[in-house]
Amino acid sequence: MYLLRNFLKQPKQYAEAEKLWRDTWSSLIMRIGQEKRWRVPWFEPRFVNGTPFLDGNPIFTAVDRSRRLAVRIIQSPPTADGEPDLISWTDKFAKGDPEELDELVISCVLSDETLAKATDLMTKWARNGSLDDLARPAKAHRKPRTATPRRRRMSRA
């Protein structure tokens, strides 16, 4: 059974869905003892004028800058076309940039089952920095890019 199926049409349900993801994250992060590592939200899903997206992408974000890890949840409404209720992948955010992050992206239709699967994925990611049961070695911090030298103009006499 799907939860908060009208979250895109009803602002109250959207707020409930956001709270459910935040509370789920808080519980799992406390359970693994990483409350101080992660910042929520990673970024505010808003347009330049401050208006919230309210489209479910993302409905939740978190970041651990010390390990260069991020989590993004995309919540979709139920569809009748047979798409899977949950898919996940890892990605590079800002690839090649000094602020590059490894990102876990979970896209789902919210139900008790998908919430449980997403929680399991997020727990592995937060604990191990991967979706494997083994922790990955810590990454060396990247050096910031050096500024490109600017050309100096010669003043005309």
N, C-alpha and C. Protein backbone atom coordinates (compact mmCIF):
# COMPACT_ATOMS: atom_id res chain seq x y z
N MET A 1 0.84 -1.18 0.00
CA MET A 1 0.00 0.00 0.00
C MET A 1 0.89 1.25 0.00
N TYR A 2 0.58 2.17 -0.89
CA TYR A 2 1.36 3.39 -1.01
C TYR A 2 1.01 4.37 0.10
N LEU A 3 2.03 5.10 0.53
CA LEU A 3 1.86 6.11 1.57
C LEU A 3 1.84 7.50 0.92
N LEU A 4 1.01 8.38 1.43
CA LEU A 4 0.98 9.77 1.00
C LEU A 4 0.95 9.88 -0.53
N ARG A 5 0.03 9.16 -1.13
CA ARG A 5 -0.02 9.05 -2.59
C ARG A 5 -0.31 10.36 -3.30
N ASN A 6 -0.89 11.34 -2.62
CA ASN A 6 -1.21 12.63 -3.26
C ASN A 6 -0.26 13.74 -2.82
N PHE A 7 0.97 13.36 -2.47
CA PHE A 7 1.92 14.34 -1.93
C PHE A 7 2.23 15.48 -2.91
N LEU A 8 2.13 15.24 -4.20
CA LEU A 8 2.40 16.31 -5.17
C LEU A 8 1.24 17.29 -5.30
N LYS A 9 0.07 16.87 -4.92
CA LYS A 9 -1.12 17.72 -5.06
C LYS A 9 -1.54 18.37 -3.75
N GLN A 10 -1.13 17.80 -2.63
CA GLN A 10 -1.56 18.30 -1.32
C GLN A 10 -0.33 18.71 -0.50
N PRO A 11 -0.14 20.01 -0.29
CA PRO A 11 1.03 20.49 0.46
C PRO A 11 1.21 19.85 1.84
N LYS A 12 0.10 19.53 2.50
CA LYS A 12 0.20 18.90 3.82
C LYS A 12 0.84 17.51 3.69
N GLN A 13 0.45 16.76 2.69
CA GLN A 13 1.05 15.44 2.47
C GLN A 13 2.52 15.57 2.07
N TYR A 14 2.85 16.59 1.30
CA TYR A 14 4.25 16.80 0.91
C TYR A 14 5.09 17.05 2.16
N ALA A 15 4.59 17.90 3.05
CA ALA A 15 5.31 18.19 4.30
C ALA A 15 5.45 16.92 5.15
N GLU A 16 4.40 16.08 5.18
CA GLU A 16 4.46 14.82 5.92
C GLU A 16 5.51 13.89 5.32
N ALA A 17 5.60 13.85 3.99
CA ALA A 17 6.59 12.99 3.34
C ALA A 17 8.01 13.49 3.66
N GLU A 18 8.23 14.80 3.60
CA GLU A 18 9.54 15.35 3.95
C GLU A 18 9.91 14.98 5.38
N LYS A 19 8.95 15.12 6.30
CA LYS A 19 9.19 14.80 7.70
C LYS A 19 9.49 13.31 7.88
N LEU A 20 8.79 12.45 7.17
CA LEU A 20 9.02 11.01 7.26
C LEU A 20 10.45 10.67 6.84
N TRP A 21 10.93 11.26 5.75
CA TRP A 21 12.31 11.00 5.31
C TRP A 21 13.32 11.55 6.31
N ARG A 22 13.09 12.76 6.82
CA ARG A 22 14.01 13.33 7.82
C ARG A 22 14.06 12.48 9.08
N ASP A 23 12.88 12.07 9.57
CA ASP A 23 12.83 11.25 10.78
C ASP A 23 13.49 9.88 10.57
N THR A 24 13.26 9.29 9.41
CA THR A 24 13.88 8.00 9.09
C THR A 24 15.39 8.14 9.09
N TRP A 25 15.87 9.19 8.44
CA TRP A 25 17.32 9.45 8.39
C TRP A 25 17.87 9.68 9.79
N SER A 26 17.21 10.51 10.58
CA SER A 26 17.68 10.80 11.94
C SER A 26 17.80 9.53 12.77
N SER A 27 16.81 8.66 12.66
CA SER A 27 16.84 7.41 13.42
C SER A 27 18.01 6.53 13.00
N LEU A 28 18.20 6.37 11.70
CA LEU A 28 19.26 5.47 11.26
C LEU A 28 20.64 6.05 11.56
N ILE A 29 20.80 7.34 11.46
CA ILE A 29 22.09 7.98 11.69
C ILE A 29 22.45 7.93 13.19
N MET A 30 21.43 8.04 14.03
CA MET A 30 21.67 7.91 15.47
C MET A 30 22.02 6.46 15.81
N ARG A 31 21.34 5.53 15.18
CA ARG A 31 21.57 4.11 15.43
C ARG A 31 23.02 3.71 15.10
N ILE A 32 23.61 4.33 14.08
CA ILE A 32 24.99 3.98 13.72
C ILE A 32 26.01 4.97 14.28
N GLY A 33 25.54 5.93 15.09
CA GLY A 33 26.43 6.84 15.79
C GLY A 33 27.13 7.87 14.92
N GLN A 34 26.43 8.37 13.90
CA GLN A 34 27.05 9.34 12.99
C GLN A 34 26.30 10.68 12.95
N GLU A 35 25.62 11.02 14.02
CA GLU A 35 24.82 12.25 14.02
C GLU A 35 25.64 13.50 13.70
N LYS A 36 26.90 13.52 14.12
CA LYS A 36 27.71 14.73 13.94
C LYS A 36 28.37 14.80 12.57
N ARG A 37 28.37 13.71 11.84
CA ARG A 37 29.02 13.69 10.52
C ARG A 37 28.17 14.32 9.42
N TRP A 38 26.86 14.13 9.50
CA TRP A 38 25.98 14.45 8.40
C TRP A 38 25.23 15.76 8.61
N ARG A 39 25.05 16.49 7.50
CA ARG A 39 24.27 17.72 7.52
C ARG A 39 23.02 17.52 6.66
N VAL A 40 21.89 17.92 7.22
CA VAL A 40 20.60 17.79 6.54
C VAL A 40 19.92 19.14 6.59
N PRO A 41 19.37 19.66 5.53
CA PRO A 41 19.52 19.16 4.17
C PRO A 41 20.88 19.50 3.61
N TRP A 42 21.26 18.75 2.59
CA TRP A 42 22.51 19.03 1.89
C TRP A 42 22.33 20.33 1.13
N PHE A 43 21.21 20.48 0.46
CA PHE A 43 20.88 21.74 -0.18
C PHE A 43 19.37 21.91 -0.16
N GLU A 44 18.94 23.13 -0.22
CA GLU A 44 17.51 23.44 -0.20
C GLU A 44 16.95 23.31 -1.62
N PRO A 45 15.93 22.48 -1.81
CA PRO A 45 15.33 22.34 -3.14
C PRO A 45 14.40 23.53 -3.44
N ARG A 46 15.01 24.65 -3.84
CA ARG A 46 14.26 25.87 -4.10
C ARG A 46 14.73 26.52 -5.39
N PHE A 47 13.80 27.24 -6.02
CA PHE A 47 14.16 28.05 -7.18
C PHE A 47 14.90 29.29 -6.68
N VAL A 48 15.49 30.02 -7.59
CA VAL A 48 16.27 31.21 -7.25
C VAL A 48 15.44 32.22 -6.45
N ASN A 49 14.15 32.31 -6.76
CA ASN A 49 13.29 33.27 -6.05
C ASN A 49 12.83 32.77 -4.67
N GLY A 50 13.30 31.58 -4.26
CA GLY A 50 12.97 31.05 -2.93
C GLY A 50 11.79 30.11 -2.90
N THR A 51 11.07 29.98 -3.99
CA THR A 51 9.93 29.07 -4.05
C THR A 51 10.41 27.62 -4.02
N PRO A 52 9.86 26.80 -3.11
CA PRO A 52 10.28 25.39 -3.06
C PRO A 52 9.86 24.63 -4.32
N PHE A 53 10.68 23.65 -4.72
CA PHE A 53 10.37 22.84 -5.90
C PHE A 53 9.05 22.09 -5.73
N LEU A 54 8.90 21.39 -4.60
CA LEU A 54 7.72 20.58 -4.30
C LEU A 54 7.37 19.59 -5.41
N ASP A 55 8.42 19.05 -6.06
CA ASP A 55 8.18 18.07 -7.11
C ASP A 55 8.73 16.69 -6.75
N GLY A 56 9.25 16.56 -5.52
CA GLY A 56 9.78 15.28 -5.07
C GLY A 56 11.21 15.03 -5.48
N ASN A 57 11.83 15.93 -6.23
CA ASN A 57 13.21 15.74 -6.68
C ASN A 57 14.06 16.95 -6.36
N PRO A 58 14.74 16.88 -5.21
CA PRO A 58 14.74 15.84 -4.19
C PRO A 58 13.72 16.17 -3.10
N ILE A 59 13.30 15.14 -2.40
CA ILE A 59 12.45 15.34 -1.24
C ILE A 59 13.29 15.30 0.04
N PHE A 60 14.51 14.73 -0.08
CA PHE A 60 15.42 14.66 1.07
C PHE A 60 16.85 14.64 0.56
N THR A 61 17.74 15.33 1.29
CA THR A 61 19.18 15.28 0.98
C THR A 61 19.98 15.32 2.27
N ALA A 62 21.17 14.73 2.21
CA ALA A 62 22.11 14.77 3.34
C ALA A 62 23.53 14.71 2.78
N VAL A 63 24.49 15.27 3.52
CA VAL A 63 25.87 15.26 3.07
C VAL A 63 26.82 15.06 4.25
N ASP A 64 27.87 14.29 4.01
CA ASP A 64 29.00 14.14 4.93
C ASP A 64 30.21 14.64 4.16
N ARG A 65 30.55 15.90 4.34
CA ARG A 65 31.64 16.52 3.57
C ARG A 65 32.99 15.91 3.91
N SER A 66 33.18 15.44 5.15
CA SER A 66 34.48 14.88 5.53
C SER A 66 34.79 13.61 4.74
N ARG A 67 33.77 12.84 4.39
CA ARG A 67 33.98 11.62 3.60
C ARG A 67 33.53 11.80 2.15
N ARG A 68 33.06 12.99 1.82
CA ARG A 68 32.60 13.31 0.46
C ARG A 68 31.50 12.36 0.00
N LEU A 69 30.49 12.20 0.88
CA LEU A 69 29.34 11.35 0.59
C LEU A 69 28.07 12.18 0.64
N ALA A 70 27.11 11.83 -0.20
CA ALA A 70 25.82 12.51 -0.21
C ALA A 70 24.71 11.49 -0.44
N VAL A 71 23.51 11.86 0.00
CA VAL A 71 22.31 11.06 -0.21
C VAL A 71 21.25 11.97 -0.79
N ARG A 72 20.56 11.48 -1.83
CA ARG A 72 19.44 12.23 -2.40
C ARG A 72 18.28 11.27 -2.62
N ILE A 73 17.12 11.63 -2.09
CA ILE A 73 15.91 10.83 -2.27
C ILE A 73 14.99 11.56 -3.23
N ILE A 74 14.54 10.83 -4.25
CA ILE A 74 13.55 11.34 -5.20
C ILE A 74 12.29 10.51 -4.96
N GLN A 75 11.21 11.20 -4.63
CA GLN A 75 9.95 10.49 -4.41
C GLN A 75 9.01 10.79 -5.57
N SER A 76 8.43 9.72 -6.12
CA SER A 76 7.51 9.84 -7.25
C SER A 76 6.13 9.37 -6.85
N PRO A 77 5.10 9.84 -7.55
CA PRO A 77 3.75 9.35 -7.27
C PRO A 77 3.57 7.95 -7.86
N PRO A 78 2.61 7.19 -7.33
CA PRO A 78 2.34 5.86 -7.90
C PRO A 78 1.91 5.98 -9.37
N THR A 79 2.37 5.02 -10.18
CA THR A 79 1.97 4.98 -11.58
C THR A 79 1.38 3.60 -11.88
N ALA A 80 0.65 3.52 -12.96
CA ALA A 80 0.02 2.26 -13.32
C ALA A 80 0.76 1.55 -14.44
N ASP A 81 1.93 2.05 -14.82
CA ASP A 81 2.59 1.49 -15.99
C ASP A 81 3.62 0.41 -15.68
N GLY A 82 3.65 -0.12 -14.48
CA GLY A 82 4.53 -1.24 -14.16
C GLY A 82 5.98 -0.88 -13.88
N GLU A 83 6.29 0.39 -13.71
CA GLU A 83 7.66 0.76 -13.35
C GLU A 83 7.98 0.22 -11.96
N PRO A 84 9.27 -0.07 -11.70
CA PRO A 84 9.62 -0.54 -10.35
C PRO A 84 9.36 0.56 -9.33
N ASP A 85 9.01 0.14 -8.13
CA ASP A 85 8.70 1.10 -7.07
C ASP A 85 9.95 1.71 -6.46
N LEU A 86 11.12 1.09 -6.66
CA LEU A 86 12.35 1.64 -6.11
C LEU A 86 13.51 1.28 -7.04
N ILE A 87 14.28 2.28 -7.39
CA ILE A 87 15.56 2.06 -8.07
C ILE A 87 16.59 2.93 -7.35
N SER A 88 17.84 2.48 -7.40
CA SER A 88 18.90 3.25 -6.76
C SER A 88 20.15 3.15 -7.60
N TRP A 89 21.01 4.14 -7.46
CA TRP A 89 22.28 4.14 -8.15
C TRP A 89 23.24 5.07 -7.41
N THR A 90 24.50 4.92 -7.72
CA THR A 90 25.49 5.84 -7.18
C THR A 90 25.98 6.70 -8.33
N ASP A 91 26.39 7.90 -7.99
CA ASP A 91 26.77 8.86 -9.01
C ASP A 91 27.86 9.77 -8.44
N LYS A 92 28.46 10.53 -9.30
CA LYS A 92 29.41 11.56 -8.89
C LYS A 92 28.69 12.90 -9.02
N PHE A 93 28.70 13.66 -7.95
CA PHE A 93 28.14 15.01 -7.99
C PHE A 93 29.30 15.97 -8.15
N ALA A 94 29.21 16.89 -9.10
CA ALA A 94 30.27 17.86 -9.39
C ALA A 94 31.56 17.14 -9.79
N LYS A 95 31.43 16.16 -10.66
CA LYS A 95 32.58 15.35 -11.07
C LYS A 95 33.71 16.22 -11.60
N GLY A 96 34.91 15.95 -11.09
CA GLY A 96 36.09 16.68 -11.50
C GLY A 96 36.33 17.97 -10.73
N ASP A 97 35.36 18.39 -9.97
CA ASP A 97 35.46 19.61 -9.17
C ASP A 97 36.11 19.27 -7.83
N PRO A 98 36.79 20.22 -7.20
CA PRO A 98 37.37 19.94 -5.88
C PRO A 98 36.31 19.55 -4.84
N GLU A 99 35.07 19.94 -5.06
CA GLU A 99 33.99 19.59 -4.13
C GLU A 99 33.24 18.33 -4.55
N GLU A 100 33.82 17.52 -5.42
CA GLU A 100 33.17 16.30 -5.90
C GLU A 100 32.71 15.42 -4.74
N LEU A 101 31.52 14.84 -4.89
CA LEU A 101 30.95 13.95 -3.88
C LEU A 101 30.50 12.66 -4.54
N ASP A 102 30.57 11.56 -3.80
CA ASP A 102 29.93 10.31 -4.21
C ASP A 102 28.51 10.37 -3.66
N GLU A 103 27.56 10.16 -4.54
CA GLU A 103 26.15 10.35 -4.17
C GLU A 103 25.37 9.05 -4.34
N LEU A 104 24.59 8.73 -3.31
CA LEU A 104 23.61 7.65 -3.41
C LEU A 104 22.29 8.31 -3.77
N VAL A 105 21.69 7.86 -4.87
CA VAL A 105 20.39 8.39 -5.30
C VAL A 105 19.39 7.25 -5.21
N ILE A 106 18.29 7.51 -4.53
CA ILE A 106 17.21 6.54 -4.42
C ILE A 106 15.96 7.20 -4.97
N SER A 107 15.36 6.56 -5.96
CA SER A 107 14.12 7.06 -6.55
C SER A 107 13.04 6.03 -6.27
N CYS A 108 11.96 6.47 -5.62
CA CYS A 108 10.94 5.49 -5.24
C CYS A 108 9.54 6.09 -5.14
N VAL A 109 8.60 5.20 -5.17
CA VAL A 109 7.22 5.48 -4.80
C VAL A 109 7.14 5.06 -3.34
N LEU A 110 6.65 5.93 -2.48
CA LEU A 110 6.70 5.67 -1.04
C LEU A 110 5.68 4.63 -0.59
N SER A 111 6.19 3.59 0.06
CA SER A 111 5.37 2.56 0.70
C SER A 111 6.16 2.06 1.89
N ASP A 112 5.55 1.26 2.73
CA ASP A 112 6.30 0.68 3.84
C ASP A 112 7.49 -0.14 3.33
N GLU A 113 7.27 -0.88 2.25
CA GLU A 113 8.32 -1.73 1.68
C GLU A 113 9.47 -0.90 1.11
N THR A 114 9.16 0.13 0.32
CA THR A 114 10.24 0.92 -0.27
C THR A 114 10.96 1.74 0.79
N LEU A 115 10.24 2.18 1.81
CA LEU A 115 10.89 2.91 2.91
C LEU A 115 11.90 2.01 3.62
N ALA A 116 11.53 0.75 3.84
CA ALA A 116 12.44 -0.20 4.49
C ALA A 116 13.67 -0.47 3.61
N LYS A 117 13.45 -0.65 2.29
CA LYS A 117 14.58 -0.89 1.38
C LYS A 117 15.48 0.35 1.31
N ALA A 118 14.88 1.53 1.23
CA ALA A 118 15.66 2.77 1.17
C ALA A 118 16.46 2.95 2.45
N THR A 119 15.86 2.63 3.58
CA THR A 119 16.55 2.75 4.87
C THR A 119 17.76 1.83 4.91
N ASP A 120 17.60 0.62 4.39
CA ASP A 120 18.72 -0.32 4.34
C ASP A 120 19.85 0.23 3.46
N LEU A 121 19.51 0.75 2.30
CA LEU A 121 20.51 1.32 1.39
C LEU A 121 21.22 2.52 2.03
N MET A 122 20.44 3.41 2.63
CA MET A 122 21.03 4.60 3.26
C MET A 122 21.93 4.22 4.43
N THR A 123 21.55 3.20 5.18
CA THR A 123 22.36 2.75 6.32
C THR A 123 23.70 2.22 5.83
N LYS A 124 23.69 1.38 4.80
CA LYS A 124 24.94 0.86 4.24
C LYS A 124 25.81 2.00 3.73
N TRP A 125 25.19 2.93 3.03
CA TRP A 125 25.93 4.06 2.46
C TRP A 125 26.57 4.91 3.56
N ALA A 126 25.78 5.25 4.57
CA ALA A 126 26.30 6.09 5.66
C ALA A 126 27.38 5.35 6.45
N ARG A 127 27.19 4.08 6.68
CA ARG A 127 28.14 3.31 7.48
C ARG A 127 29.42 3.00 6.70
N ASN A 128 29.28 2.59 5.44
CA ASN A 128 30.41 2.05 4.69
C ASN A 128 30.94 2.94 3.58
N GLY A 129 30.16 3.93 3.18
CA GLY A 129 30.56 4.72 2.02
C GLY A 129 30.42 3.96 0.72
N SER A 130 29.67 2.87 0.78
CA SER A 130 29.37 2.06 -0.40
C SER A 130 28.11 1.26 -0.09
N LEU A 131 27.62 0.57 -1.09
CA LEU A 131 26.44 -0.27 -0.87
C LEU A 131 26.82 -1.70 -0.53
N ASP A 132 28.12 -1.95 -0.48
CA ASP A 132 28.61 -3.26 -0.03
C ASP A 132 28.55 -3.30 1.49
N ASP A 133 28.73 -4.48 2.02
CA ASP A 133 28.76 -4.60 3.47
C ASP A 133 30.14 -4.27 4.04
N LEU A 134 31.10 -4.04 3.17
CA LEU A 134 32.45 -3.70 3.61
C LEU A 134 32.69 -2.21 3.47
N ALA A 135 33.37 -1.64 4.44
CA ALA A 135 33.68 -0.21 4.38
C ALA A 135 34.76 0.03 3.34
N ARG A 136 34.61 1.11 2.59
CA ARG A 136 35.64 1.47 1.62
C ARG A 136 36.72 2.28 2.33
N PRO A 137 37.92 2.27 1.82
CA PRO A 137 38.96 3.10 2.44
C PRO A 137 38.62 4.58 2.28
N ALA A 138 39.04 5.37 3.22
CA ALA A 138 38.79 6.80 3.15
C ALA A 138 39.53 7.38 1.96
N LYS A 139 38.90 8.35 1.31
CA LYS A 139 39.53 9.02 0.17
C LYS A 139 40.49 10.08 0.67
N ALA A 140 41.55 10.24 -0.06
CA ALA A 140 42.46 11.35 0.25
C ALA A 140 41.76 12.64 -0.16
N HIS A 141 41.92 13.66 0.63
CA HIS A 141 41.30 14.94 0.28
C HIS A 141 41.97 15.51 -0.96
N ARG A 142 41.14 15.99 -1.85
CA ARG A 142 41.66 16.60 -3.07
C ARG A 142 42.17 17.99 -2.76
N LYS A 143 43.23 18.34 -3.45
CA LYS A 143 43.76 19.69 -3.30
C LYS A 143 42.88 20.64 -4.11
N PRO A 144 42.65 21.84 -3.59
CA PRO A 144 41.90 22.80 -4.38
C PRO A 144 42.66 23.16 -5.64
N ARG A 145 41.90 23.46 -6.67
CA ARG A 145 42.55 23.86 -7.92
C ARG A 145 43.26 25.19 -7.72
N THR A 146 44.37 25.31 -8.39
CA THR A 146 45.09 26.58 -8.30
C THR A 146 44.48 27.54 -9.31
N ALA A 147 44.49 28.78 -8.98
CA ALA A 147 43.94 29.79 -9.87
C ALA A 147 44.83 29.91 -11.10
N THR A 148 44.21 30.16 -12.24
CA THR A 148 44.98 30.37 -13.45
C THR A 148 45.57 31.77 -13.43
N PRO A 149 46.82 31.86 -13.79
CA PRO A 149 47.43 33.19 -13.77
C PRO A 149 46.70 34.12 -14.73
N ARG A 150 46.52 35.32 -14.32
CA ARG A 150 45.86 36.32 -15.17
C ARG A 150 46.92 37.06 -15.97
N ARG A 151 46.52 37.42 -17.15
CA ARG A 151 47.42 38.21 -17.99
C ARG A 151 47.39 39.65 -17.48
N ARG A 152 48.54 40.23 -17.46
CA ARG A 152 48.61 41.62 -17.03
C ARG A 152 48.72 42.50 -18.27
N ARG A 153 47.97 43.55 -18.22
CA ARG A 153 48.04 44.49 -19.34
C ARG A 153 49.13 45.51 -19.06
N MET A 154 49.80 45.84 -20.07
CA MET A 154 50.81 46.89 -19.99
C MET A 154 50.10 48.21 -20.24
N SER A 155 50.36 49.16 -19.41
CA SER A 155 49.73 50.44 -19.63
C SER A 155 50.41 51.17 -20.78
N ARG A 156 49.61 51.88 -21.51
CA ARG A 156 50.17 52.63 -22.64
C ARG A 156 50.71 53.93 -22.15
N ALA A 157 51.79 54.29 -22.69
CA ALA A 157 52.43 55.56 -22.30
C ALA A 157 51.88 56.72 -23.07
